[in-house]
C-alpha atoms as a PDB file:
ATOM      1  CA  UNK A   1      -0.341   0.020   0.033  1.00  0.00           C
ATOM      2  CA  UNK A   2       1.661   3.652  -0.724  1.00  0.00           C
ATOM      3  CA  UNK A   3       0.045   6.474   0.888  1.00  0.00           C
ATOM      4  CA  UNK A   4       0.829   9.738  -0.532  1.00  0.00           C
ATOM      5  CA  UNK A   5       2.283  12.548   1.672  1.00  0.00           C
ATOM      6  CA  UNK A   6       1.963  16.476   1.598  1.00  0.00           C
ATOM      7  CA  UNK A   7       2.961  19.369   3.538  1.00  0.00           C
ATOM      8  CA  UNK A   8       4.157  18.326   7.174  1.00  0.00           C
ATOM      9  CA  UNK A   9       3.479  14.965   6.628  1.00  0.00           C
ATOM     10  CA  UNK A  10       5.660  14.903   3.823  1.00  0.00           C
ATOM     11  CA  UNK A  11       8.819  16.370   6.179  1.00  0.00           C
ATOM     12  CA  UNK A  12       7.678  14.418   9.213  1.00  0.00           C
ATOM     13  CA  UNK A  13       8.126  10.966   7.297  1.00  0.00           C
ATOM     14  CA  UNK A  14      11.015  12.118   5.414  1.00  0.00           C
ATOM     15  CA  UNK A  15       9.437  11.049   1.215  1.00  0.00           C
ATOM     16  CA  UNK A  16       6.787  12.213  -0.818  1.00  0.00           C
ATOM     17  CA  UNK A  17       5.107   8.514   0.006  1.00  0.00           C
ATOM     18  CA  UNK A  18       5.041   6.036   2.258  1.00  0.00           C
ATOM     19  CA  UNK A  19       5.051   1.750   1.692  1.00  0.00           C
ATOM     20  CA  UNK A  20       3.585  -0.376   3.855  1.00  0.00           C
ATOM     21  CA  UNK A  21       4.249  -3.736   3.325  1.00  0.00           C
ATOM     22  CA  UNK A  22       1.710  -6.316   2.330  1.00  0.00           C
ATOM     23  CA  UNK A  23       1.791  -8.223   5.515  1.00  0.00           C
ATOM     24  CA  UNK A  24       0.899  -5.248   7.356  1.00  0.00           C
ATOM     25  CA  UNK A  25      -1.683  -4.105   5.191  1.00  0.00           C
ATOM     26  CA  UNK A  26      -4.392  -7.246   6.114  1.00  0.00           C
ATOM     27  CA  UNK A  27      -4.311  -5.582   9.568  1.00  0.00           C
ATOM     28  CA  UNK A  28      -5.384  -2.494   8.250  1.00  0.00           C
ATOM     29  CA  UNK A  29      -9.285  -2.718   7.059  1.00  0.00           C
ATOM     30  CA  UNK A  30     -10.170   1.057   7.491  1.00  0.00           C
ATOM     31  CA  UNK A  31      -8.627   4.786   7.614  1.00  0.00           C
ATOM     32  CA  UNK A  32      -8.828   4.819  11.370  1.00  0.00           C
ATOM     33  CA  UNK A  33      -6.663   1.814  11.736  1.00  0.00           C
ATOM     34  CA  UNK A  34      -4.554   3.035   9.219  1.00  0.00           C
ATOM     35  CA  UNK A  35      -3.901   6.458  10.830  1.00  0.00           C
ATOM     36  CA  UNK A  36      -3.188   4.340  14.116  1.00  0.00           C
ATOM     37  CA  UNK A  37      -0.469   2.584  12.319  1.00  0.00           C
ATOM     38  CA  UNK A  38       0.706   5.547  10.600  1.00  0.00           C
ATOM     39  CA  UNK A  39       1.227   7.335  13.934  1.00  0.00           C
ATOM     40  CA  UNK A  40       3.120   4.398  15.755  1.00  0.00           C
ATOM     41  CA  UNK A  41       5.778   4.652  12.954  1.00  0.00           C
ATOM     42  CA  UNK A  42       6.033   8.470  13.152  1.00  0.00           C
ATOM     43  CA  UNK A  43       4.811   9.705  16.749  1.00  0.00           C
ATOM     44  CA  UNK A  44       5.312  13.076  15.774  1.00  0.00           C
ATOM     45  CA  UNK A  45       2.110  12.997  13.678  1.00  0.00           C
ATOM     46  CA  UNK A  46       0.003  12.805  16.429  1.00  0.00           C
ATOM     47  CA  UNK A  47       1.041  16.438  17.008  1.00  0.00           C
ATOM     48  CA  UNK A  48      -0.759  17.634  14.182  1.00  0.00           C
ATOM     49  CA  UNK A  49      -3.990  19.405  15.061  1.00  0.00           C
ATOM     50  CA  UNK A  50      -5.837  17.652  12.607  1.00  0.00           C
ATOM     51  CA  UNK A  51      -5.179  15.273   9.872  1.00  0.00           C
ATOM     52  CA  UNK A  52      -7.488  14.409   6.923  1.00  0.00           C
ATOM     53  CA  UNK A  53      -7.237  11.243   4.834  1.00  0.00           C
ATOM     54  CA  UNK A  54      -8.314  10.876   1.005  1.00  0.00           C
ATOM     55  CA  UNK A  55      -9.290   7.497  -0.246  1.00  0.00           C
ATOM     56  CA  UNK A  56      -9.373   7.026  -4.163  1.00  0.00           C
ATOM     57  CA  UNK A  57      -9.437  11.153  -3.990  1.00  0.00           C
ATOM     58  CA  UNK A  58     -12.536  11.464  -1.482  1.00  0.00           C
ATOM     59  CA  UNK A  59     -12.126  12.452   2.124  1.00  0.00           C
ATOM     60  CA  UNK A  60     -12.585   9.675   4.393  1.00  0.00           C
ATOM     61  CA  UNK A  61     -13.689   9.290   7.925  1.00  0.00           C
ATOM     62  CA  UNK A  62     -12.072   6.855  10.382  1.00  0.00           C
ATOM     63  CA  UNK A  63     -14.478   3.983   9.419  1.00  0.00           C
ATOM     64  CA  UNK A  64     -13.968   4.138   5.690  1.00  0.00           C
ATOM     65  CA  UNK A  65     -13.035   1.115   4.824  1.00  0.00           C
ATOM     66  CA  UNK A  66      -9.786   0.575   2.529  1.00  0.00           C
ATOM     67  CA  UNK A  67      -7.570  -2.017   0.270  1.00  0.00           C
ATOM     68  CA  UNK A  68      -4.278  -2.288  -0.833  1.00  0.00           C
ATOM     69  CA  UNK A  69      -4.964  -0.882  -4.012  1.00  0.00           C
ATOM     70  CA  UNK A  70      -6.735   2.299  -2.888  1.00  0.00           C
ATOM     71  CA  UNK A  71      -5.200   5.758  -3.804  1.00  0.00           C
ATOM     72  CA  UNK A  72      -4.706   7.011  -0.056  1.00  0.00           C
ATOM     73  CA  UNK A  73      -3.348  10.285   0.603  1.00  0.00           C
ATOM     74  CA  UNK A  74      -2.548  12.124   4.248  1.00  0.00           C
ATOM     75  CA  UNK A  75      -3.855  15.657   3.782  1.00  0.00           C
ATOM     76  CA  UNK A  76      -2.605  17.811   6.899  1.00  0.00           C
ATOM     77  CA  UNK A  77      -3.771  21.103   8.623  1.00  0.00           C
ATOM     78  CA  UNK A  78      -3.892  24.071   5.963  1.00  0.00           C
ATOM     79  CA  UNK A  79      -3.137  27.490   6.860  1.00  0.00           C
ATOM     80  CA  UNK A  80      -3.565  30.950   5.421  1.00  0.00           C
ATOM     81  CA  UNK A  81      -5.581  33.647   4.980  1.00  0.00           C
END
């Protein structure tokens, strides 16, 4: 599973994407489980005020099911004015 990263999430992880091994994806059936998994790997993500997830170009809730073939993106908080 490949997760696209933007903004501060890219800075925290140190890359534009994150590849999750296929063996680990079988335990990740929802966006909420995926977020927990990623935050275990990169605890600094827990410090973000919000972290949206898009699945196949649509914003997703923690209960949204995911599979290894989905396009997933982490969308950090955006500031500006």
